[in-house]
Amino acid sequence: MKIATWNINGLTSRLTQVIEWSVASRPDILCLQETKCIDAKFPSQRLRVAGFEHVAFAGEKSYNGVAILSRLPLENIELSLPGDDSDIASRFVATTVGGVTLVNVYVPHGTKVGTDKFAFKLAWMARFRKYFDDRFATDEKVILCGDLNVAPHEMDVWNPRLQQDKTHFSKPEREALLNIKKWGFVDVFRQFNDEPGEYSWWSHFHHDFEKNRGMRIDHIWTSPPMAEQCRDCWIDRSPRSLDRPSDHAPVVADIAI
């Protein structure tokens, strides 16, 4: 099974890119973040062109929004993290597919270290860890993917010293991310790639993509049994070179299921 995660930063404006990439790359499941699309306008019919007969999504206008697109049937769909208020941003969708629990999230951005939004991010991440504690054992088939909005290690940012006190790489965020990982997750990208300079996000400014000044904040993590079945994991930089692209690139994993 080929699983991909991609912060598309606006599904309506980049729908053609999603379809063309999916037709060429043939993921069985594509998890999207920042769809920025209300549920009533989600383009389910057009996505069938790319082979995605099954979809689960939680959207809102102009901000956030997540979706799971699948060639395989989806069961037990959840559209909010337990404990979320009814008016909270759409950033969580979970489902069961092929006997595997798949959780797709867009972790809060945090805006700026020390702000209320930063505190909300850390609190949300703590609740997210509790979700796995309450629901699953580490010997079950679980996959977590999405824009986790944190770079775990120094090798995951182009300039750690410049970024160390800023959002996405501050110590509190990395500790919160490590706490989630300690549930038992394996970062499958790092199973196959142990070199610096591998990023999934680059700003649209200062030619950052061309200069490879980015961060690895998009992730696919699995429970140990799934990690053992993972055959490869990579970042596909090619969509980042398209005209008016998302600032993120897809992360793809090939898992024998």
C-alpha atoms as a PDB file:
ATOM      1  CA  MET A   1       0.000   0.000   0.000  1.00  0.00           C
ATOM      2  CA  LYS A   2       1.357   3.389  -0.990  1.00  0.00           C
ATOM      3  CA  ILE A   3       0.362   6.150   1.434  1.00  0.00           C
ATOM      4  CA  ALA A   4       1.094   9.855   0.903  1.00  0.00           C
ATOM      5  CA  THR A   5       0.615  12.994   2.963  1.00  0.00           C
ATOM      6  CA  TRP A   6       0.585  16.484   1.460  1.00  0.00           C
ATOM      7  CA  ASN A   7      -0.247  19.902   2.869  1.00  0.00           C
ATOM      8  CA  ILE A   8      -1.850  21.254  -0.279  1.00  0.00           C
ATOM      9  CA  ASN A   9      -2.424  24.814   1.058  1.00  0.00           C
ATOM     10  CA  GLY A  10      -5.722  25.226  -0.775  1.00  0.00           C
ATOM     11  CA  LEU A  11      -7.376  22.272  -2.519  1.00  0.00           C
ATOM     12  CA  THR A  12      -9.589  24.313  -4.821  1.00  0.00           C
ATOM     13  CA  SER A  13      -6.707  26.272  -6.318  1.00  0.00           C
ATOM     14  CA  ARG A  14      -4.463  23.189  -6.596  1.00  0.00           C
ATOM     15  CA  LEU A  15      -6.967  20.490  -7.464  1.00  0.00           C
ATOM     16  CA  THR A  16      -5.433  19.914 -10.893  1.00  0.00           C
ATOM     17  CA  GLN A  17      -2.009  19.454  -9.283  1.00  0.00           C
ATOM     18  CA  VAL A  18      -3.450  16.893  -6.845  1.00  0.00           C
ATOM     19  CA  ILE A  19      -5.173  14.952  -9.622  1.00  0.00           C
ATOM     20  CA  GLU A  20      -2.209  14.974 -12.001  1.00  0.00           C
ATOM     21  CA  TRP A  21       0.253  13.989  -9.257  1.00  0.00           C
ATOM     22  CA  SER A  22      -2.043  11.222  -8.041  1.00  0.00           C
ATOM     23  CA  VAL A  23      -2.531   9.809 -11.551  1.00  0.00           C
ATOM     24  CA  ALA A  24       1.240   9.775 -12.063  1.00  0.00           C
ATOM     25  CA  SER A  25       2.268   8.560  -8.582  1.00  0.00           C
ATOM     26  CA  ARG A  26      -0.644   6.189  -7.914  1.00  0.00           C
ATOM     27  CA  PRO A  27      -0.940   6.436  -4.116  1.00  0.00           C
ATOM     28  CA  ASP A  28      -3.574   4.135  -2.678  1.00  0.00           C
ATOM     29  CA  ILE A  29      -4.280   6.722   0.014  1.00  0.00           C
ATOM     30  CA  LEU A  30      -3.593  10.452  -0.025  1.00  0.00           C
ATOM     31  CA  CYS A  31      -3.913  12.475   3.177  1.00  0.00           C
ATOM     32  CA  LEU A  32      -4.317  16.213   2.656  1.00  0.00           C
ATOM     33  CA  GLN A  33      -3.984  19.138   5.047  1.00  0.00           C
ATOM     34  CA  GLU A  34      -4.968  22.798   4.715  1.00  0.00           C
ATOM     35  CA  THR A  35      -7.658  21.987   2.186  1.00  0.00           C
ATOM     36  CA  LYS A  36      -9.296  25.347   2.999  1.00  0.00           C
ATOM     37  CA  CYS A  37     -12.567  24.081   1.572  1.00  0.00           C
ATOM     38  CA  ILE A  38     -16.009  23.872   3.140  1.00  0.00           C
ATOM     39  CA  ASP A  39     -17.586  20.421   3.135  1.00  0.00           C
ATOM     40  CA  ALA A  40     -20.372  21.427   0.735  1.00  0.00           C
ATOM     41  CA  LYS A  41     -17.813  22.296  -1.948  1.00  0.00           C
ATOM     42  CA  PHE A  42     -15.422  19.378  -1.475  1.00  0.00           C
ATOM     43  CA  PRO A  43     -14.608  18.119  -5.014  1.00  0.00           C
ATOM     44  CA  SER A  44     -15.382  14.427  -4.490  1.00  0.00           C
ATOM     45  CA  GLN A  45     -16.567  13.877  -8.061  1.00  0.00           C
ATOM     46  CA  ARG A  46     -13.439  15.321  -9.656  1.00  0.00           C
ATOM     47  CA  LEU A  47     -11.187  13.345  -7.348  1.00  0.00           C
ATOM     48  CA  ARG A  48     -12.724  10.143  -8.670  1.00  0.00           C
ATOM     49  CA  VAL A  49     -10.817  10.913 -11.871  1.00  0.00           C
ATOM     50  CA  ALA A  50      -7.661  10.158  -9.880  1.00  0.00           C
ATOM     51  CA  GLY A  51      -9.163   6.882  -8.657  1.00  0.00           C
ATOM     52  CA  PHE A  52     -10.239   7.983  -5.180  1.00  0.00           C
ATOM     53  CA  GLU A  53     -13.656   6.404  -4.797  1.00  0.00           C
ATOM     54  CA  HIS A  54     -13.692   6.863  -1.021  1.00  0.00           C
ATOM     55  CA  VAL A  55     -13.177  10.144   0.822  1.00  0.00           C
ATOM     56  CA  ALA A  56     -13.395  11.444   4.375  1.00  0.00           C
ATOM     57  CA  PHE A  57     -12.989  15.134   5.090  1.00  0.00           C
ATOM     58  CA  ALA A  58     -13.490  17.893   7.609  1.00  0.00           C
ATOM     59  CA  GLY A  59     -13.281  21.365   6.150  1.00  0.00           C
ATOM     60  CA  GLU A  60     -13.822  25.041   6.772  1.00  0.00           C
ATOM     61  CA  LYS A  61     -13.690  28.190   4.719  1.00  0.00           C
ATOM     62  CA  SER A  62     -10.271  29.733   4.029  1.00  0.00           C
ATOM     63  CA  TYR A  63      -8.382  27.936   6.803  1.00  0.00           C
ATOM     64  CA  ASN A  64      -7.265  24.482   7.958  1.00  0.00           C
ATOM     65  CA  GLY A  65      -9.203  21.439   6.727  1.00  0.00           C
ATOM     66  CA  VAL A  66      -8.087  17.814   6.343  1.00  0.00           C
ATOM     67  CA  ALA A  67      -9.055  14.946   4.052  1.00  0.00           C
ATOM     68  CA  ILE A  68      -8.305  11.294   3.387  1.00  0.00           C
ATOM     69  CA  LEU A  69      -8.651  10.177  -0.235  1.00  0.00           C
ATOM     70  CA  SER A  70      -8.603   6.428  -0.806  1.00  0.00           C
ATOM     71  CA  ARG A  71      -8.927   3.766  -3.466  1.00  0.00           C
ATOM     72  CA  LEU A  72      -9.982   1.398  -0.674  1.00  0.00           C
ATOM     73  CA  PRO A  73     -13.142   1.558   1.477  1.00  0.00           C
ATOM     74  CA  LEU A  74     -12.974   3.678   4.630  1.00  0.00           C
ATOM     75  CA  GLU A  75     -14.621   2.586   7.865  1.00  0.00           C
ATOM     76  CA  ASN A  76     -15.113   4.027  11.356  1.00  0.00           C
ATOM     77  CA  ILE A  77     -14.527   7.616  10.257  1.00  0.00           C
ATOM     78  CA  GLU A  78     -13.853  10.206  12.991  1.00  0.00           C
ATOM     79  CA  LEU A  79     -13.805  13.924  12.164  1.00  0.00           C
ATOM     80  CA  SER A  80     -12.629  15.475  15.414  1.00  0.00           C
ATOM     81  CA  LEU A  81     -10.152  14.800  18.179  1.00  0.00           C
ATOM     82  CA  PRO A  82     -11.982  13.680  21.330  1.00  0.00           C
ATOM     83  CA  GLY A  83     -12.395  16.695  23.594  1.00  0.00           C
ATOM     84  CA  ASP A  84     -12.444  19.256  20.774  1.00  0.00           C
ATOM     85  CA  ASP A  85     -15.037  22.015  21.059  1.00  0.00           C
ATOM     86  CA  SER A  86     -17.643  22.021  18.299  1.00  0.00           C
ATOM     87  CA  ASP A  87     -16.276  25.259  16.849  1.00  0.00           C
ATOM     88  CA  ILE A  88     -12.618  24.216  16.862  1.00  0.00           C
ATOM     89  CA  ALA A  89     -10.663  24.260  13.606  1.00  0.00           C
ATOM     90  CA  SER A  90     -10.928  21.245  11.294  1.00  0.00           C
ATOM     91  CA  ARG A  91      -7.594  19.519  11.705  1.00  0.00           C
ATOM     92  CA  PHE A  92      -8.265  15.826  12.498  1.00  0.00           C
ATOM     93  CA  VAL A  93      -9.652  12.905  10.525  1.00  0.00           C
ATOM     94  CA  ALA A  94      -9.203   9.224  11.336  1.00  0.00           C
ATOM     95  CA  THR A  95     -10.435   6.057   9.695  1.00  0.00           C
ATOM     96  CA  THR A  96      -9.875   2.331   9.364  1.00  0.00           C
ATOM     97  CA  VAL A  97      -8.683   1.107   5.974  1.00  0.00           C
ATOM     98  CA  GLY A  98      -7.628  -2.441   5.204  1.00  0.00           C
ATOM     99  CA  GLY A  99      -7.521  -3.255   8.914  1.00  0.00           C
ATOM    100  CA  VAL A 100      -5.186  -0.345   9.649  1.00  0.00           C
ATOM    101  CA  THR A 101      -6.066   2.722  11.716  1.00  0.00           C
ATOM    102  CA  LEU A 102      -5.019   5.837   9.800  1.00  0.00           C
ATOM    103  CA  VAL A 103      -4.915   9.227  11.527  1.00  0.00           C
ATOM    104  CA  ASN A 104      -4.384  12.381   9.470  1.00  0.00           C
ATOM    105  CA  VAL A 105      -3.798  15.695  11.264  1.00  0.00           C
ATOM    106  CA  TYR A 106      -2.870  19.298  10.747  1.00  0.00           C
ATOM    107  CA  VAL A 107      -1.261  20.223  14.062  1.00  0.00           C
ATOM    108  CA  PRO A 108      -1.878  23.866  15.077  1.00  0.00           C
ATOM    109  CA  HIS A 109       0.709  26.265  13.710  1.00  0.00           C
ATOM    110  CA  GLY A 110       1.366  28.075  16.972  1.00  0.00           C
ATOM    111  CA  THR A 111       1.976  31.451  15.296  1.00  0.00           C
ATOM    112  CA  LYS A 112       4.715  32.708  17.647  1.00  0.00           C
ATOM    113  CA  VAL A 113       6.501  31.347  20.699  1.00  0.00           C
ATOM    114  CA  GLY A 114       4.952  32.666  23.922  1.00  0.00           C
ATOM    115  CA  THR A 115       1.543  33.555  22.487  1.00  0.00           C
ATOM    116  CA  ASP A 116      -1.855  32.117  23.417  1.00  0.00           C
ATOM    117  CA  LYS A 117      -1.894  30.263  20.096  1.00  0.00           C
ATOM    118  CA  PHE A 118       1.466  28.716  20.937  1.00  0.00           C
ATOM    119  CA  ALA A 119       0.119  27.533  24.299  1.00  0.00           C
ATOM    120  CA  PHE A 120      -2.932  26.117  22.498  1.00  0.00           C
ATOM    121  CA  LYS A 121      -0.631  24.182  20.163  1.00  0.00           C
ATOM    122  CA  LEU A 122       1.204  22.543  23.049  1.00  0.00           C
ATOM    123  CA  ALA A 123      -2.049  21.703  24.845  1.00  0.00           C
ATOM    124  CA  TRP A 124      -3.527  20.226  21.662  1.00  0.00           C
ATOM    125  CA  MET A 125      -0.453  18.062  21.161  1.00  0.00           C
ATOM    126  CA  ALA A 126      -0.739  16.776  24.738  1.00  0.00           C
ATOM    127  CA  ARG A 127      -4.372  15.792  24.095  1.00  0.00           C
ATOM    128  CA  PHE A 128      -3.314  14.168  20.852  1.00  0.00           C
ATOM    129  CA  ARG A 129      -0.861  11.930  22.718  1.00  0.00           C
ATOM    130  CA  LYS A 130      -3.649  10.974  25.136  1.00  0.00           C
ATOM    131  CA  TYR A 131      -5.811   9.945  22.172  1.00  0.00           C
ATOM    132  CA  PHE A 132      -3.345   7.182  21.296  1.00  0.00           C
ATOM    133  CA  ASP A 133      -2.896   6.180  24.933  1.00  0.00           C
ATOM    134  CA  ASP A 134      -6.644   5.780  25.328  1.00  0.00           C
ATOM    135  CA  ARG A 135      -7.401   4.064  22.027  1.00  0.00           C
ATOM    136  CA  PHE A 136      -4.540   1.864  20.900  1.00  0.00           C
ATOM    137  CA  ALA A 137      -1.796  -0.534  21.907  1.00  0.00           C
ATOM    138  CA  THR A 138       1.580  -0.269  20.236  1.00  0.00           C
ATOM    139  CA  ASP A 139       1.280  -3.751  18.744  1.00  0.00           C
ATOM    140  CA  GLU A 140      -1.756  -2.677  16.693  1.00  0.00           C
ATOM    141  CA  LYS A 141      -1.636  -1.461  13.100  1.00  0.00           C
ATOM    142  CA  VAL A 142      -1.582   2.341  13.390  1.00  0.00           C
ATOM    143  CA  ILE A 143      -0.351   5.016  10.975  1.00  0.00           C
ATOM    144  CA  LEU A 144      -0.097   8.713  11.808  1.00  0.00           C
ATOM    145  CA  CYS A 145       0.549  11.184   9.047  1.00  0.00           C
ATOM    146  CA  GLY A 146       0.154  14.851   8.326  1.00  0.00           C
ATOM    147  CA  ASP A 147       1.628  18.272   8.802  1.00  0.00           C
ATOM    148  CA  LEU A 148       2.822  18.015  12.394  1.00  0.00           C
ATOM    149  CA  ASN A 149       4.204  21.563  12.211  1.00  0.00           C
ATOM    150  CA  VAL A 150       7.357  20.629  14.114  1.00  0.00           C
ATOM    151  CA  ALA A 151      10.821  19.656  12.867  1.00  0.00           C
ATOM    152  CA  PRO A 152      12.091  16.974  15.293  1.00  0.00           C
ATOM    153  CA  HIS A 153      15.858  17.278  14.978  1.00  0.00           C
ATOM    154  CA  GLU A 154      18.614  19.655  13.923  1.00  0.00           C
ATOM    155  CA  MET A 155      19.061  17.775  10.673  1.00  0.00           C
ATOM    156  CA  ASP A 156      15.408  18.571   9.873  1.00  0.00           C
ATOM    157  CA  VAL A 157      16.008  22.334   9.517  1.00  0.00           C
ATOM    158  CA  TRP A 158      18.413  24.114   7.220  1.00  0.00           C
ATOM    159  CA  ASN A 159      19.758  26.428   9.949  1.00  0.00           C
ATOM    160  CA  PRO A 160      19.106  25.091  13.477  1.00  0.00           C
ATOM    161  CA  ARG A 161      20.784  27.999  15.231  1.00  0.00           C
ATOM    162  CA  LEU A 162      18.621  30.531  13.378  1.00  0.00           C
ATOM    163  CA  GLN A 163      15.443  28.548  14.032  1.00  0.00           C
ATOM    164  CA  GLN A 164      15.990  27.335  17.598  1.00  0.00           C
ATOM    165  CA  ASP A 165      13.764  29.871  19.363  1.00  0.00           C
ATOM    166  CA  LYS A 166      11.153  30.137  16.624  1.00  0.00           C
ATOM    167  CA  THR A 167       7.944  28.314  15.856  1.00  0.00           C
ATOM    168  CA  HIS A 168       8.342  24.792  14.415  1.00  0.00           C
ATOM    169  CA  PHE A 169      11.696  24.164  16.101  1.00  0.00           C
ATOM    170  CA  SER A 170      11.483  25.620  19.593  1.00  0.00           C
ATOM    171  CA  LYS A 171      12.379  23.358  22.500  1.00  0.00           C
ATOM    172  CA  PRO A 172       8.797  23.162  23.896  1.00  0.00           C
ATOM    173  CA  GLU A 173       7.440  22.095  20.508  1.00  0.00           C
ATOM    174  CA  ARG A 174      10.104  19.457  19.963  1.00  0.00           C
ATOM    175  CA  GLU A 175       9.470  18.097  23.456  1.00  0.00           C
ATOM    176  CA  ALA A 176       5.722  17.963  22.763  1.00  0.00           C
ATOM    177  CA  LEU A 177       6.371  16.127  19.501  1.00  0.00           C
ATOM    178  CA  LEU A 178       8.746  13.704  21.205  1.00  0.00           C
ATOM    179  CA  ASN A 179       6.059  13.003  23.784  1.00  0.00           C
ATOM    180  CA  ILE A 180       3.704  11.931  20.996  1.00  0.00           C
ATOM    181  CA  LYS A 181       6.407   9.818  19.397  1.00  0.00           C
ATOM    182  CA  LYS A 182       7.111   8.079  22.707  1.00  0.00           C
ATOM    183  CA  TRP A 183       3.695   6.454  22.491  1.00  0.00           C
ATOM    184  CA  GLY A 184       5.614   3.978  20.336  1.00  0.00           C
ATOM    185  CA  PHE A 185       5.749   5.583  16.910  1.00  0.00           C
ATOM    186  CA  VAL A 186       8.516   5.045  14.377  1.00  0.00           C
ATOM    187  CA  ASP A 187       9.462   7.878  12.008  1.00  0.00           C
ATOM    188  CA  VAL A 188       9.589   5.680   8.911  1.00  0.00           C
ATOM    189  CA  PHE A 189      11.246   8.352   6.781  1.00  0.00           C
ATOM    190  CA  ARG A 190      14.296   8.138   9.033  1.00  0.00           C
ATOM    191  CA  GLN A 191      14.362   4.362   8.630  1.00  0.00           C
ATOM    192  CA  PHE A 192      15.534   4.910   5.074  1.00  0.00           C
ATOM    193  CA  ASN A 193      17.035   8.411   5.083  1.00  0.00           C
ATOM    194  CA  ASP A 194      19.654   9.448   7.614  1.00  0.00           C
ATOM    195  CA  GLU A 195      21.114  12.507   5.900  1.00  0.00           C
ATOM    196  CA  PRO A 196      20.427  16.209   6.571  1.00  0.00           C
ATOM    197  CA  GLY A 197      18.992  18.451   3.869  1.00  0.00           C
ATOM    198  CA  GLU A 198      15.794  16.416   3.410  1.00  0.00           C
ATOM    199  CA  TYR A 199      12.891  18.843   3.796  1.00  0.00           C
ATOM    200  CA  SER A 200       9.157  18.869   3.096  1.00  0.00           C
ATOM    201  CA  TRP A 201       8.500  22.617   3.418  1.00  0.00           C
ATOM    202  CA  TRP A 202      10.160  25.707   1.976  1.00  0.00           C
ATOM    203  CA  SER A 203       8.899  29.289   2.136  1.00  0.00           C
ATOM    204  CA  HIS A 204       7.877  31.048  -1.062  1.00  0.00           C
ATOM    205  CA  PHE A 205      10.372  33.823  -0.367  1.00  0.00           C
ATOM    206  CA  HIS A 206      14.068  34.484  -1.001  1.00  0.00           C
ATOM    207  CA  HIS A 207      14.355  31.500  -3.396  1.00  0.00           C
ATOM    208  CA  ASP A 208      14.289  29.196  -0.363  1.00  0.00           C
ATOM    209  CA  PHE A 209      13.260  26.152  -2.369  1.00  0.00           C
ATOM    210  CA  GLU A 210      15.974  26.646  -4.951  1.00  0.00           C
ATOM    211  CA  LYS A 211      18.522  27.087  -2.160  1.00  0.00           C
ATOM    212  CA  ASN A 212      17.031  24.171  -0.184  1.00  0.00           C
ATOM    213  CA  ARG A 213      16.451  26.269   2.911  1.00  0.00           C
ATOM    214  CA  GLY A 214      13.566  24.344   4.396  1.00  0.00           C
ATOM    215  CA  MET A 215      12.256  22.178   7.209  1.00  0.00           C
ATOM    216  CA  ARG A 216      10.912  18.647   7.554  1.00  0.00           C
ATOM    217  CA  ILE A 217       7.590  19.191   9.284  1.00  0.00           C
ATOM    218  CA  ASP A 218       5.431  16.721   7.325  1.00  0.00           C
ATOM    219  CA  HIS A 219       5.639  13.177   8.617  1.00  0.00           C
ATOM    220  CA  ILE A 220       4.531   9.571   8.319  1.00  0.00           C
ATOM    221  CA  TRP A 221       4.885   7.673  11.589  1.00  0.00           C
ATOM    222  CA  THR A 222       3.747   4.142  12.291  1.00  0.00           C
ATOM    223  CA  SER A 223       3.398   1.671  15.124  1.00  0.00           C
ATOM    224  CA  PRO A 224       6.266  -0.865  15.302  1.00  0.00           C
ATOM    225  CA  PRO A 225       4.452  -3.637  13.355  1.00  0.00           C
ATOM    226  CA  MET A 226       3.778  -1.220  10.480  1.00  0.00           C
ATOM    227  CA  ALA A 227       7.367   0.050  10.543  1.00  0.00           C
ATOM    228  CA  GLU A 228       8.609  -3.495  10.039  1.00  0.00           C
ATOM    229  CA  GLN A 229       6.414  -3.748   6.947  1.00  0.00           C
ATOM    230  CA  CYS A 230       7.489  -0.385   5.506  1.00  0.00           C
ATOM    231  CA  ARG A 231       9.571  -0.901   2.359  1.00  0.00           C
ATOM    232  CA  ASP A 232      10.486   2.717   1.646  1.00  0.00           C
ATOM    233  CA  CYS A 233       9.623   6.319   2.502  1.00  0.00           C
ATOM    234  CA  TRP A 234      10.589   9.434   0.568  1.00  0.00           C
ATOM    235  CA  ILE A 235       9.810  13.098  -0.077  1.00  0.00           C
ATOM    236  CA  ASP A 236       8.677  13.885  -3.617  1.00  0.00           C
ATOM    237  CA  ARG A 237      10.013  17.373  -4.326  1.00  0.00           C
ATOM    238  CA  SER A 238       8.694  17.530  -7.891  1.00  0.00           C
ATOM    239  CA  PRO A 239       5.317  19.218  -7.150  1.00  0.00           C
ATOM    240  CA  ARG A 240       7.161  22.032  -5.361  1.00  0.00           C
ATOM    241  CA  SER A 241       8.610  23.067  -8.729  1.00  0.00           C
ATOM    242  CA  LEU A 242       5.195  23.536 -10.356  1.00  0.00           C
ATOM    243  CA  ASP A 243       3.642  26.893 -11.148  1.00  0.00           C
ATOM    244  CA  ARG A 244       2.062  28.381  -8.005  1.00  0.00           C
ATOM    245  CA  PRO A 245       2.705  25.305  -5.867  1.00  0.00           C
ATOM    246  CA  SER A 246       1.946  24.574  -2.252  1.00  0.00           C
ATOM    247  CA  ASP A 247       4.860  25.429   0.003  1.00  0.00           C
ATOM    248  CA  HIS A 248       4.908  21.741   1.035  1.00  0.00           C
ATOM    249  CA  ALA A 249       5.902  18.606  -0.866  1.00  0.00           C
ATOM    250  CA  PRO A 250       4.307  15.158  -0.545  1.00  0.00           C
ATOM    251  CA  VAL A 251       5.802  12.533   1.755  1.00  0.00           C
ATOM    252  CA  VAL A 252       5.204   8.986   0.531  1.00  0.00           C
ATOM    253  CA  ALA A 253       5.561   5.583   2.213  1.00  0.00           C
ATOM    254  CA  ASP A 254       5.320   2.103   0.696  1.00  0.00           C
ATOM    255  CA  ILE A 255       4.018  -0.333   3.317  1.00  0.00           C
ATOM    256  CA  ALA A 256       3.307  -4.020   2.777  1.00  0.00           C
ATOM    257  CA  ILE A 257      -0.207  -4.556   4.092  1.00  0.00           C
END
